[in-house]
Amino acid sequence: MAEFLAMGGYAPYVWASYAVFFVVLALDALAPRAQRKRVLAELRGRLKRRQSRTEARR
């Protein structure tokens, strides 16, 4: 098992590439959620500003 994990001396490069892959995969999965939160917050702000302008006109 240790020989497999050492990967013939290339283990640091192989395991680092796996780590980078999984970090990028996680970020790729979380990015749409973060963008959705930003867009919803922006839309709520626009709606609130629009409502305050229409109330000020009355």
C-alpha atoms as a PDB file:
ATOM      1  CA  MET A   1       0.000   0.000   0.000  1.00  0.00           C
ATOM      2  CA  ALA A   2       2.829   2.400   0.820  1.00  0.00           C
ATOM      3  CA  GLU A   3       4.326   1.758  -2.600  1.00  0.00           C
ATOM      4  CA  PHE A   4       1.031   2.656  -4.238  1.00  0.00           C
ATOM      5  CA  LEU A   5       0.742   5.869  -2.208  1.00  0.00           C
ATOM      6  CA  ALA A   6       4.359   6.805  -3.040  1.00  0.00           C
ATOM      7  CA  MET A   7       3.569   6.329  -6.748  1.00  0.00           C
ATOM      8  CA  GLY A   8       7.148   5.688  -7.753  1.00  0.00           C
ATOM      9  CA  GLY A   9       8.404   8.995  -6.380  1.00  0.00           C
ATOM     10  CA  TYR A  10       5.771  11.108  -8.118  1.00  0.00           C
ATOM     11  CA  ALA A  11       3.337  11.177  -5.210  1.00  0.00           C
ATOM     12  CA  PRO A  12       3.633  14.897  -4.402  1.00  0.00           C
ATOM     13  CA  TYR A  13       2.733  15.823  -7.976  1.00  0.00           C
ATOM     14  CA  VAL A  14      -0.073  13.287  -8.267  1.00  0.00           C
ATOM     15  CA  TRP A  15      -1.698  14.030  -4.929  1.00  0.00           C
ATOM     16  CA  ALA A  16      -1.340  17.786  -5.437  1.00  0.00           C
ATOM     17  CA  SER A  17      -3.101  17.493  -8.773  1.00  0.00           C
ATOM     18  CA  TYR A  18      -5.905  15.516  -7.133  1.00  0.00           C
ATOM     19  CA  ALA A  19      -6.206  18.191  -4.435  1.00  0.00           C
ATOM     20  CA  VAL A  20      -6.367  20.989  -6.991  1.00  0.00           C
ATOM     21  CA  PHE A  21      -8.952  19.057  -8.984  1.00  0.00           C
ATOM     22  CA  PHE A  22     -11.239  18.592  -5.981  1.00  0.00           C
ATOM     23  CA  VAL A  23     -10.866  22.218  -4.879  1.00  0.00           C
ATOM     24  CA  VAL A  24     -11.817  23.419  -8.368  1.00  0.00           C
ATOM     25  CA  LEU A  25     -14.688  20.930  -8.460  1.00  0.00           C
ATOM     26  CA  ALA A  26     -15.998  22.218  -5.124  1.00  0.00           C
ATOM     27  CA  LEU A  27     -15.716  25.845  -6.241  1.00  0.00           C
ATOM     28  CA  ASP A  28     -17.486  24.998  -9.474  1.00  0.00           C
ATOM     29  CA  ALA A  29     -20.331  23.465  -7.478  1.00  0.00           C
ATOM     30  CA  LEU A  30     -20.598  26.379  -5.026  1.00  0.00           C
ATOM     31  CA  ALA A  31     -20.248  29.275  -7.487  1.00  0.00           C
ATOM     32  CA  PRO A  32     -23.843  29.120  -8.826  1.00  0.00           C
ATOM     33  CA  ARG A  33     -25.220  29.234  -5.299  1.00  0.00           C
ATOM     34  CA  ALA A  34     -23.159  32.312  -4.467  1.00  0.00           C
ATOM     35  CA  GLN A  35     -24.174  33.994  -7.713  1.00  0.00           C
ATOM     36  CA  ARG A  36     -27.832  33.202  -7.019  1.00  0.00           C
ATOM     37  CA  LYS A  37     -27.574  34.843  -3.589  1.00  0.00           C
ATOM     38  CA  ARG A  38     -25.992  37.964  -5.127  1.00  0.00           C
ATOM     39  CA  VAL A  39     -28.628  38.213  -7.856  1.00  0.00           C
ATOM     40  CA  LEU A  40     -31.503  37.753  -5.404  1.00  0.00           C
ATOM     41  CA  ALA A  41     -30.050  40.401  -3.088  1.00  0.00           C
ATOM     42  CA  GLU A  42     -29.704  42.814  -6.011  1.00  0.00           C
ATOM     43  CA  LEU A  43     -33.269  42.165  -7.145  1.00  0.00           C
ATOM     44  CA  ARG A  44     -34.592  42.663  -3.614  1.00  0.00           C
ATOM     45  CA  GLY A  45     -32.738  45.977  -3.443  1.00  0.00           C
ATOM     46  CA  ARG A  46     -34.163  47.104  -6.770  1.00  0.00           C
ATOM     47  CA  LEU A  47     -37.667  46.146  -5.673  1.00  0.00           C
ATOM     48  CA  LYS A  48     -37.264  47.983  -2.388  1.00  0.00           C
ATOM     49  CA  ARG A  49     -35.996  51.127  -4.157  1.00  0.00           C
ATOM     50  CA  ARG A  50     -38.838  50.959  -6.683  1.00  0.00           C
ATOM     51  CA  GLN A  51     -41.416  50.594  -3.913  1.00  0.00           C
ATOM     52  CA  SER A  52     -39.961  53.517  -1.969  1.00  0.00           C
ATOM     53  CA  ARG A  53     -40.079  55.715  -5.111  1.00  0.00           C
ATOM     54  CA  THR A  54     -43.723  54.849  -5.774  1.00  0.00           C
ATOM     55  CA  GLU A  55     -44.610  55.537  -2.129  1.00  0.00           C
ATOM     56  CA  ALA A  56     -42.820  58.905  -2.294  1.00  0.00           C
ATOM     57  CA  ARG A  57     -44.896  59.925  -5.333  1.00  0.00           C
ATOM     58  CA  ARG A  58     -48.182  59.433  -3.424  1.00  0.00           C
END
